[in-house]
PDB file of N, CA and C in Angstrom:
ATOM      1  N   MET A   1     -16.570 -11.296  -5.129  1.00  0.00           N
ATOM      2  CA  MET A   1     -14.935 -12.151  -5.196  1.00  0.00           C
ATOM      3  C   MET A   1     -13.605 -11.272  -4.268  1.00  0.00           C
ATOM      4  N   PRO A   2     -13.112 -12.087  -3.654  1.00  0.00           N
ATOM      5  CA  PRO A   2     -11.932 -11.322  -2.897  1.00  0.00           C
ATOM      6  C   PRO A   2     -11.098 -11.029  -4.062  1.00  0.00           C
ATOM      7  N   LEU A   3     -10.274  -9.644  -3.578  1.00  0.00           N
ATOM      8  CA  LEU A   3      -9.434  -9.176  -4.232  1.00  0.00           C
ATOM      9  C   LEU A   3      -7.979  -8.913  -3.545  1.00  0.00           C
ATOM     10  N   SER A   4      -7.207  -9.718  -3.858  1.00  0.00           N
ATOM     11  CA  SER A   4      -5.959  -9.311  -3.746  1.00  0.00           C
ATOM     12  C   SER A   4      -4.845  -8.261  -4.324  1.00  0.00           C
ATOM     13  N   VAL A   5      -4.256  -7.525  -3.332  1.00  0.00           N
ATOM     14  CA  VAL A   5      -3.512  -6.408  -4.079  1.00  0.00           C
ATOM     15  C   VAL A   5      -1.955  -6.355  -3.434  1.00  0.00           C
ATOM     16  N   VAL A   6      -1.140  -6.299  -4.687  1.00  0.00           N
ATOM     17  CA  VAL A   6       0.731  -6.186  -3.995  1.00  0.00           C
ATOM     18  C   VAL A   6       0.993  -5.075  -4.667  1.00  0.00           C
ATOM     19  N   ALA A   7       1.236  -4.003  -3.902  1.00  0.00           N
ATOM     20  CA  ALA A   7       1.623  -2.387  -3.960  1.00  0.00           C
ATOM     21  C   ALA A   7       3.341  -2.412  -4.019  1.00  0.00           C
ATOM     22  N   THR A   8       4.076  -1.970  -4.827  1.00  0.00           N
ATOM     23  CA  THR A   8       5.531  -2.380  -4.638  1.00  0.00           C
ATOM     24  C   THR A   8       5.598  -0.806  -4.838  1.00  0.00           C
ATOM     25  N   ILE A   9       6.386  -0.322  -3.798  1.00  0.00           N
ATOM     26  CA  ILE A   9       6.947   1.128  -3.777  1.00  0.00           C
ATOM     27  C   ILE A   9       8.364   1.177  -3.509  1.00  0.00           C
ATOM     28  N   THR A  10       9.242   1.916  -4.185  1.00  0.00           N
ATOM     29  CA  THR A  10      10.407   2.291  -4.102  1.00  0.00           C
ATOM     30  C   THR A  10      10.747   3.685  -3.945  1.00  0.00           C
ATOM     31  N   ALA A  11      11.351   3.884  -2.772  1.00  0.00           N
ATOM     32  CA  ALA A  11      11.726   4.780  -2.038  1.00  0.00           C
ATOM     33  C   ALA A  11      13.512   5.564  -2.989  1.00  0.00           C
ATOM     34  N   GLN A  12      13.354   6.392  -3.067  1.00  0.00           N
ATOM     35  CA  GLN A  12      14.615   7.109  -3.399  1.00  0.00           C
ATOM     36  C   GLN A  12      15.413   6.765  -1.714  1.00  0.00           C
ATOM     37  N   PRO A  13      16.541   6.787  -2.029  1.00  0.00           N
ATOM     38  CA  PRO A  13      17.345   6.407  -0.981  1.00  0.00           C
ATOM     39  C   PRO A  13      17.840   7.499   0.215  1.00  0.00           C
ATOM     40  N   GLU A  14      17.701   8.486   0.242  1.00  0.00           N
ATOM     41  CA  GLU A  14      17.795   9.507   1.000  1.00  0.00           C
ATOM     42  C   GLU A  14      16.390   9.897   1.273  1.00  0.00           C
ATOM     43  N   HIS A  15      15.219   9.498   1.014  1.00  0.00           N
ATOM     44  CA  HIS A  15      13.851   9.534   1.722  1.00  0.00           C
ATOM     45  C   HIS A  15      13.228   7.970   2.205  1.00  0.00           C
ATOM     46  N   ARG A  16      14.407   6.996   2.370  1.00  0.00           N
ATOM     47  CA  ARG A  16      13.524   5.665   2.599  1.00  0.00           C
ATOM     48  C   ARG A  16      13.107   5.813   3.834  1.00  0.00           C
ATOM     49  N   SER A  17      13.503   6.791   5.108  1.00  0.00           N
ATOM     50  CA  SER A  17      12.911   6.787   6.232  1.00  0.00           C
ATOM     51  C   SER A  17      11.395   7.122   6.121  1.00  0.00           C
ATOM     52  N   ALA A  18      11.525   8.250   5.544  1.00  0.00           N
ATOM     53  CA  ALA A  18      10.091   9.056   5.360  1.00  0.00           C
ATOM     54  C   ALA A  18       8.840   8.475   4.940  1.00  0.00           C
ATOM     55  N   VAL A  19       9.762   7.847   3.613  1.00  0.00           N
ATOM     56  CA  VAL A  19       8.503   6.754   2.573  1.00  0.00           C
ATOM     57  C   VAL A  19       8.017   5.629   4.010  1.00  0.00           C
ATOM     58  N   HIS A  20       8.797   5.321   4.402  1.00  0.00           N
ATOM     59  CA  HIS A  20       8.534   4.030   5.235  1.00  0.00           C
ATOM     60  C   HIS A  20       7.761   4.450   6.614  1.00  0.00           C
ATOM     61  N   THR A  21       8.050   5.538   7.057  1.00  0.00           N
ATOM     62  CA  THR A  21       6.963   6.019   7.758  1.00  0.00           C
ATOM     63  C   THR A  21       5.789   6.720   7.199  1.00  0.00           C
ATOM     64  N   ALA A  22       5.434   7.314   6.210  1.00  0.00           N
ATOM     65  CA  ALA A  22       4.103   7.426   5.641  1.00  0.00           C
ATOM     66  C   ALA A  22       3.474   5.961   5.157  1.00  0.00           C
ATOM     67  N   LEU A  23       4.194   4.927   4.889  1.00  0.00           N
ATOM     68  CA  LEU A  23       3.214   3.570   4.953  1.00  0.00           C
ATOM     69  C   LEU A  23       2.886   3.279   5.940  1.00  0.00           C
ATOM     70  N   LEU A  24       3.625   3.018   7.055  1.00  0.00           N
ATOM     71  CA  LEU A  24       3.321   2.791   8.349  1.00  0.00           C
ATOM     72  C   LEU A  24       2.337   3.474   8.912  1.00  0.00           C
ATOM     73  N   ALA A  25       2.069   4.728   8.443  1.00  0.00           N
ATOM     74  CA  ALA A  25       0.991   5.483   9.191  1.00  0.00           C
ATOM     75  C   ALA A  25      -0.776   5.056   8.336  1.00  0.00           C
ATOM     76  N   VAL A  26      -0.829   4.935   7.424  1.00  0.00           N
ATOM     77  CA  VAL A  26      -1.831   4.049   6.006  1.00  0.00           C
ATOM     78  C   VAL A  26      -2.630   2.381   6.483  1.00  0.00           C
ATOM     79  N   VAL A  27      -1.408   1.772   7.510  1.00  0.00           N
ATOM     80  CA  VAL A  27      -1.560   0.616   8.075  1.00  0.00           C
ATOM     81  C   VAL A  27      -3.156   0.243   8.846  1.00  0.00           C
ATOM     82  N   ALA A  28      -2.926   1.112   9.959  1.00  0.00           N
ATOM     83  CA  ALA A  28      -3.760   0.756  10.763  1.00  0.00           C
ATOM     84  C   ALA A  28      -5.303   1.227  10.631  1.00  0.00           C
ATOM     85  N   PRO A  29      -5.333   2.687   9.870  1.00  0.00           N
ATOM     86  CA  PRO A  29      -6.826   3.266   9.402  1.00  0.00           C
ATOM     87  C   PRO A  29      -7.144   2.004   8.320  1.00  0.00           C
ATOM     88  N   SER A  30      -6.723   1.641   7.147  1.00  0.00           N
ATOM     89  CA  SER A  30      -6.651   0.656   6.313  1.00  0.00           C
ATOM     90  C   SER A  30      -7.317  -0.095   6.581  1.00  0.00           C
ATOM     91  N   ARG A  31      -6.785  -0.990   7.904  1.00  0.00           N
ATOM     92  CA  ARG A  31      -7.052  -2.283   8.784  1.00  0.00           C
ATOM     93  C   ARG A  31      -8.723  -1.991   9.068  1.00  0.00           C
ATOM     94  N   ALA A  32      -8.928  -0.810   9.726  1.00  0.00           N
ATOM     95  CA  ALA A  32     -10.247  -0.756   9.995  1.00  0.00           C
ATOM     96  C   ALA A  32     -11.182  -0.603   9.358  1.00  0.00           C
ATOM     97  N   GLU A  33     -10.773  -0.284   7.875  1.00  0.00           N
ATOM     98  CA  GLU A  33     -11.875   0.070   6.768  1.00  0.00           C
ATOM     99  C   GLU A  33     -12.975  -1.307   6.772  1.00  0.00           C
ATOM    100  N   ALA A  34     -14.347  -1.253   6.182  1.00  0.00           N
ATOM    101  CA  ALA A  34     -14.749  -2.132   6.145  1.00  0.00           C
ATOM    102  C   ALA A  34     -14.741  -2.558   4.621  1.00  0.00           C
ATOM    103  N   GLY A  35     -14.727  -4.148   5.032  1.00  0.00           N
ATOM    104  CA  GLY A  35     -14.435  -4.557   3.046  1.00  0.00           C
ATOM    105  C   GLY A  35     -12.497  -5.060   3.288  1.00  0.00           C
ATOM    106  N   CYS A  36     -11.894  -4.882   4.110  1.00  0.00           N
ATOM    107  CA  CYS A  36     -10.274  -4.847   4.399  1.00  0.00           C
ATOM    108  C   CYS A  36     -10.462  -6.249   5.169  1.00  0.00           C
ATOM    109  N   LEU A  37      -9.340  -7.313   4.522  1.00  0.00           N
ATOM    110  CA  LEU A  37      -9.440  -8.739   4.504  1.00  0.00           C
ATOM    111  C   LEU A  37      -7.667  -8.509   5.627  1.00  0.00           C
ATOM    112  N   HIS A  38      -7.036  -7.871   4.769  1.00  0.00           N
ATOM    113  CA  HIS A  38      -5.742  -8.203   5.469  1.00  0.00           C
ATOM    114  C   HIS A  38      -4.783  -6.842   4.694  1.00  0.00           C
ATOM    115  N   TYR A  39      -3.508  -6.319   5.435  1.00  0.00           N
ATOM    116  CA  TYR A  39      -3.226  -5.184   4.826  1.00  0.00           C
ATOM    117  C   TYR A  39      -2.067  -4.985   5.627  1.00  0.00           C
ATOM    118  N   ASP A  40      -0.531  -5.493   5.483  1.00  0.00           N
ATOM    119  CA  ASP A  40       0.682  -5.578   5.648  1.00  0.00           C
ATOM    120  C   ASP A  40       1.568  -4.943   5.202  1.00  0.00           C
ATOM    121  N   LEU A  41       2.463  -4.247   5.310  1.00  0.00           N
ATOM    122  CA  LEU A  41       3.439  -3.801   5.049  1.00  0.00           C
ATOM    123  C   LEU A  41       4.925  -4.592   5.018  1.00  0.00           C
ATOM    124  N   HIS A  42       5.638  -4.887   3.913  1.00  0.00           N
ATOM    125  CA  HIS A  42       6.718  -5.825   4.246  1.00  0.00           C
ATOM    126  C   HIS A  42       7.951  -4.618   3.516  1.00  0.00           C
ATOM    127  N   ALA A  43       9.421  -5.014   3.379  1.00  0.00           N
ATOM    128  CA  ALA A  43      10.511  -4.341   3.201  1.00  0.00           C
ATOM    129  C   ALA A  43      11.190  -5.568   2.531  1.00  0.00           C
ATOM    130  N   ALA A  44      11.569  -5.203   1.387  1.00  0.00           N
ATOM    131  CA  ALA A  44      12.703  -5.871   0.923  1.00  0.00           C
ATOM    132  C   ALA A  44      13.844  -6.385   1.231  1.00  0.00           C
ATOM    133  N   ARG A  45      14.211  -7.919   1.403  1.00  0.00           N
ATOM    134  CA  ARG A  45      15.020  -8.167   2.043  1.00  0.00           C
ATOM    135  C   ARG A  45      16.538  -7.823   1.461  1.00  0.00           C
ATOM    136  N   ASP A  46      16.673  -7.867  -0.080  1.00  0.00           N
ATOM    137  CA  ASP A  46      17.368  -7.698  -0.847  1.00  0.00           C
ATOM    138  C   ASP A  46      17.404  -6.141  -1.247  1.00  0.00           C
ATOM    139  N   THR A  47      16.614  -5.341  -1.398  1.00  0.00           N
ATOM    140  CA  THR A  47      16.653  -4.184  -1.539  1.00  0.00           C
ATOM    141  C   THR A  47      16.005  -3.411  -0.726  1.00  0.00           C
ATOM    142  N   PRO A  48      16.895  -2.497   0.423  1.00  0.00           N
ATOM    143  CA  PRO A  48      16.276  -1.745   1.197  1.00  0.00           C
ATOM    144  C   PRO A  48      15.319  -0.601   1.018  1.00  0.00           C
ATOM    145  N   ASP A  49      15.823  -0.522  -0.254  1.00  0.00           N
ATOM    146  CA  ASP A  49      14.934   1.238  -0.607  1.00  0.00           C
ATOM    147  C   ASP A  49      13.110   0.940  -1.168  1.00  0.00           C
ATOM    148  N   ARG A  50      12.935  -0.914  -1.365  1.00  0.00           N
ATOM    149  CA  ARG A  50      11.673  -1.426  -1.413  1.00  0.00           C
ATOM    150  C   ARG A  50      10.932  -1.809  -0.613  1.00  0.00           C
ATOM    151  N   PHE A  51       9.269  -1.314  -0.648  1.00  0.00           N
ATOM    152  CA  PHE A  51       8.506  -1.414   0.355  1.00  0.00           C
ATOM    153  C   PHE A  51       7.060  -2.809  -0.398  1.00  0.00           C
ATOM    154  N   VAL A  52       6.796  -3.485   0.219  1.00  0.00           N
ATOM    155  CA  VAL A  52       6.055  -4.002  -0.489  1.00  0.00           C
ATOM    156  C   VAL A  52       4.473  -4.170   0.532  1.00  0.00           C
ATOM    157  N   MET A  53       3.500  -3.722  -0.008  1.00  0.00           N
ATOM    158  CA  MET A  53       2.064  -3.403   0.490  1.00  0.00           C
ATOM    159  C   MET A  53       1.509  -4.884  -0.123  1.00  0.00           C
ATOM    160  N   ILE A  54       1.072  -5.832   1.027  1.00  0.00           N
ATOM    161  CA  ILE A  54       0.324  -7.273   0.495  1.00  0.00           C
ATOM    162  C   ILE A  54      -1.236  -6.938   1.229  1.00  0.00           C
ATOM    163  N   GLU A  55      -2.529  -6.774  -0.210  1.00  0.00           N
ATOM    164  CA  GLU A  55      -3.394  -6.531   0.494  1.00  0.00           C
ATOM    165  C   GLU A  55      -4.802  -7.503   0.231  1.00  0.00           C
ATOM    166  N   ARG A  56      -5.523  -7.723   1.235  1.00  0.00           N
ATOM    167  CA  ARG A  56      -7.121  -8.482   0.462  1.00  0.00           C
ATOM    168  C   ARG A  56      -7.825  -7.590   0.973  1.00  0.00           C
ATOM    169  N   TRP A  57      -8.953  -7.343  -0.145  1.00  0.00           N
ATOM    170  CA  TRP A  57     -10.276  -6.852  -0.280  1.00  0.00           C
ATOM    171  C   TRP A  57     -11.411  -7.392  -0.277  1.00  0.00           C
ATOM    172  N   GLN A  58     -12.405  -7.225   0.274  1.00  0.00           N
ATOM    173  CA  GLN A  58     -13.830  -8.027   0.092  1.00  0.00           C
ATOM    174  C   GLN A  58     -14.423  -8.009  -1.389  1.00  0.00           C
ATOM    175  N   ASP A  59     -13.842  -6.836  -2.205  1.00  0.00           N
ATOM    176  CA  ASP A  59     -13.912  -6.895  -3.327  1.00  0.00           C
ATOM    177  C   ASP A  59     -13.655  -5.445  -4.125  1.00  0.00           C
ATOM    178  N   ASP A  60     -13.753  -5.029  -5.467  1.00  0.00           N
ATOM    179  CA  ASP A  60     -13.457  -3.922  -6.194  1.00  0.00           C
ATOM    180  C   ASP A  60     -13.901  -2.948  -5.230  1.00  0.00           C
ATOM    181  N   ALA A  61     -14.798  -2.999  -5.094  1.00  0.00           N
ATOM    182  CA  ALA A  61     -16.000  -1.467  -4.590  1.00  0.00           C
ATOM    183  C   ALA A  61     -15.283  -1.464  -3.424  1.00  0.00           C
ATOM    184  N   THR A  62     -14.621  -2.043  -2.407  1.00  0.00           N
ATOM    185  CA  THR A  62     -14.161  -1.911  -1.146  1.00  0.00           C
ATOM    186  C   THR A  62     -12.842  -1.306  -1.575  1.00  0.00           C
ATOM    187  N   LEU A  63     -11.809  -1.743  -2.256  1.00  0.00           N
ATOM    188  CA  LEU A  63     -10.330  -1.302  -3.025  1.00  0.00           C
ATOM    189  C   LEU A  63     -10.919  -0.024  -3.215  1.00  0.00           C
ATOM    190  N   ASP A  64     -12.016   0.584  -3.908  1.00  0.00           N
ATOM    191  CA  ASP A  64     -12.039   1.515  -4.529  1.00  0.00           C
ATOM    192  C   ASP A  64     -12.683   2.708  -3.660  1.00  0.00           C
ATOM    193  N   ARG A  65     -12.921   2.384  -2.329  1.00  0.00           N
ATOM    194  CA  ARG A  65     -13.572   2.926  -1.709  1.00  0.00           C
ATOM    195  C   ARG A  65     -12.419   3.422  -0.542  1.00  0.00           C
ATOM    196  N   HIS A  66     -10.995   2.556  -0.706  1.00  0.00           N
ATOM    197  CA  HIS A  66     -10.060   2.677   0.149  1.00  0.00           C
ATOM    198  C   HIS A  66      -9.509   3.458  -0.445  1.00  0.00           C
ATOM    199  N   MET A  67      -8.954   3.177  -2.213  1.00  0.00           N
ATOM    200  CA  MET A  67      -8.385   4.635  -2.775  1.00  0.00           C
ATOM    201  C   MET A  67      -8.898   5.743  -2.797  1.00  0.00           C
ATOM    202  N   ALA A  68     -10.017   6.146  -2.117  1.00  0.00           N
ATOM    203  CA  ALA A  68     -10.838   7.306  -1.966  1.00  0.00           C
ATOM    204  C   ALA A  68     -10.605   8.139  -0.941  1.00  0.00           C
ATOM    205  N   THR A  69     -10.354   7.271   0.117  1.00  0.00           N
ATOM    206  CA  THR A  69     -10.129   7.630   1.568  1.00  0.00           C
ATOM    207  C   THR A  69      -9.104   8.806   1.606  1.00  0.00           C
ATOM    208  N   PRO A  70      -9.616   9.710   3.010  1.00  0.00           N
ATOM    209  CA  PRO A  70      -8.125  10.967   3.170  1.00  0.00           C
ATOM    210  C   PRO A  70      -6.904  10.244   3.699  1.00  0.00           C
ATOM    211  N   HIS A  71      -6.706   9.031   4.258  1.00  0.00           N
ATOM    212  CA  HIS A  71      -5.332   8.787   4.515  1.00  0.00           C
ATOM    213  C   HIS A  71      -5.085   8.118   3.823  1.00  0.00           C
ATOM    214  N   PHE A  72      -5.516   7.450   2.440  1.00  0.00           N
ATOM    215  CA  PHE A  72      -4.991   7.145   1.436  1.00  0.00           C
ATOM    216  C   PHE A  72      -4.448   8.493   0.519  1.00  0.00           C
ATOM    217  N   ALA A  73      -5.204   9.336   0.303  1.00  0.00           N
ATOM    218  CA  ALA A  73      -4.849  10.667  -0.527  1.00  0.00           C
ATOM    219  C   ALA A  73      -3.610  10.990   0.392  1.00  0.00           C
ATOM    220  N   ALA A  74      -3.717  11.192   1.712  1.00  0.00           N
ATOM    221  CA  ALA A  74      -2.393  11.843   2.218  1.00  0.00           C
ATOM    222  C   ALA A  74      -0.978  11.309   2.122  1.00  0.00           C
ATOM    223  N   LEU A  75      -1.010   9.784   2.046  1.00  0.00           N
ATOM    224  CA  LEU A  75      -0.167   8.970   1.711  1.00  0.00           C
ATOM    225  C   LEU A  75       0.559   9.203   0.117  1.00  0.00           C
ATOM    226  N   GLY A  76      -0.445   9.262  -0.350  1.00  0.00           N
ATOM    227  CA  GLY A  76       0.160   9.975  -1.943  1.00  0.00           C
ATOM    228  C   GLY A  76       0.923  11.378  -2.054  1.00  0.00           C
ATOM    229  N   ALA A  77       0.356  12.270  -1.112  1.00  0.00           N
ATOM    230  CA  ALA A  77       0.821  13.577  -0.955  1.00  0.00           C
ATOM    231  C   ALA A  77       2.270  13.447  -0.289  1.00  0.00           C
ATOM    232  N   ALA A  78       2.385  12.445   0.820  1.00  0.00           N
ATOM    233  CA  ALA A  78       3.460  12.258   1.275  1.00  0.00           C
ATOM    234  C   ALA A  78       4.671  11.579   0.434  1.00  0.00           C
ATOM    235  N   LEU A  79       4.392  10.917  -0.274  1.00  0.00           N
ATOM    236  CA  LEU A  79       5.315  10.038  -1.095  1.00  0.00           C
ATOM    237  C   LEU A  79       5.821  10.760  -2.142  1.00  0.00           C
ATOM    238  N   ASP A  80       4.886  11.987  -2.390  1.00  0.00           N
ATOM    239  CA  ASP A  80       5.265  12.670  -3.943  1.00  0.00           C
ATOM    240  C   ASP A  80       6.461  13.450  -3.712  1.00  0.00           C
ATOM    241  N   GLY A  81       7.352  13.079  -4.610  1.00  0.00           N
ATOM    242  CA  GLY A  81       8.797  13.418  -5.251  1.00  0.00           C
ATOM    243  C   GLY A  81       9.864  12.591  -3.971  1.00  0.00           C
ATOM    244  N   LYS A  82       9.372  11.682  -3.365  1.00  0.00           N
ATOM    245  CA  LYS A  82      10.133  11.012  -2.806  1.00  0.00           C
ATOM    246  C   LYS A  82      10.387   9.349  -2.862  1.00  0.00           C
ATOM    247  N   VAL A  83       9.419   8.626  -4.116  1.00  0.00           N
ATOM    248  CA  VAL A  83       9.761   7.166  -4.384  1.00  0.00           C
ATOM    249  C   VAL A  83      10.085   7.821  -5.777  1.00  0.00           C
ATOM    250  N   THR A  84      10.798   6.586  -6.915  1.00  0.00           N
ATOM    251  CA  THR A  84      11.142   6.641  -7.805  1.00  0.00           C
ATOM    252  C   THR A  84      10.098   5.265  -8.333  1.00  0.00           C
ATOM    253  N   GLY A  85       9.574   4.760  -8.028  1.00  0.00           N
ATOM    254  CA  GLY A  85       8.166   4.133  -8.761  1.00  0.00           C
ATOM    255  C   GLY A  85       7.310   3.456  -7.789  1.00  0.00           C
ATOM    256  N   VAL A  86       5.667   2.993  -8.241  1.00  0.00           N
ATOM    257  CA  VAL A  86       5.063   2.504  -7.535  1.00  0.00           C
ATOM    258  C   VAL A  86       4.163   1.656  -8.337  1.00  0.00           C
ATOM    259  N   ASN A  87       4.028   0.693  -8.130  1.00  0.00           N
ATOM    260  CA  ASN A  87       3.591  -0.574  -8.778  1.00  0.00           C
ATOM    261  C   ASN A  87       2.353  -0.997  -8.235  1.00  0.00           C
ATOM    262  N   ILE A  88       1.038  -1.256  -8.574  1.00  0.00           N
ATOM    263  CA  ILE A  88       0.226  -2.037  -7.940  1.00  0.00           C
ATOM    264  C   ILE A  88      -0.307  -3.074  -9.113  1.00  0.00           C
ATOM    265  N   ASP A  89      -0.743  -4.263  -8.104  1.00  0.00           N
ATOM    266  CA  ASP A  89      -1.040  -5.144  -9.178  1.00  0.00           C
ATOM    267  C   ASP A  89      -2.335  -5.977  -8.504  1.00  0.00           C
ATOM    268  N   ARG A  90      -3.729  -5.374  -9.019  1.00  0.00           N
ATOM    269  CA  ARG A  90      -4.748  -6.387  -8.527  1.00  0.00           C
ATOM    270  C   ARG A  90      -4.727  -7.641  -8.983  1.00  0.00           C
ATOM    271  N   LEU A  91      -5.053  -8.868  -8.174  1.00  0.00           N
ATOM    272  CA  LEU A  91      -4.775  -9.947  -8.615  1.00  0.00           C
ATOM    273  C   LEU A  91      -6.202 -10.706  -8.064  1.00  0.00           C
ATOM    274  N   ASP A  92      -6.674 -11.674  -8.651  1.00  0.00           N
ATOM    275  CA  ASP A  92      -7.263 -12.362  -8.241  1.00  0.00           C
ATOM    276  C   ASP A  92      -7.217 -13.243  -7.478  1.00  0.00           C
ATOM    277  N   LEU A  93      -8.077 -14.060  -6.477  1.00  0.00           N
ATOM    278  CA  LEU A  93      -7.837 -15.348  -5.971  1.00  0.00           C
ATOM    279  C   LEU A  93      -8.042 -16.367  -6.460  1.00  0.00           C
ATOM    280  N   LEU A  94      -7.180 -17.244  -6.941  1.00  0.00           N
ATOM    281  CA  LEU A  94      -7.728 -18.415  -7.571  1.00  0.00           C
ATOM    282  C   LEU A  94      -7.582 -19.771  -6.464  1.00  0.00           C
ATOM    283  N   SER A  95      -6.941 -19.504  -5.277  1.00  0.00           N
ATOM    284  CA  SER A  95      -7.360 -21.096  -4.543  1.00  0.00           C
ATOM    285  C   SER A  95      -6.790 -20.446  -2.743  1.00  0.00           C
TER     286      SER A  95
END
């Protein structure tokens, strides 16, 4: 069953540009992964420090493989100390 993910990342204001760059860097390799159906980065209009990644994966196993990739690990390192919060919601597609 397809799995949707909404990841909300809030940058520290002084690191907004670095966080944006780090998030952009994972888009292309993530889209190229087997089982990735959708992977898009968004910026919140009302909160310039908040970024939202909207993803769709073939199933839980493909998402778990994504989270074990070198580019995902590099993202974690790049965000370390530069964000005030990261929230990841795994959602079941109902319609």
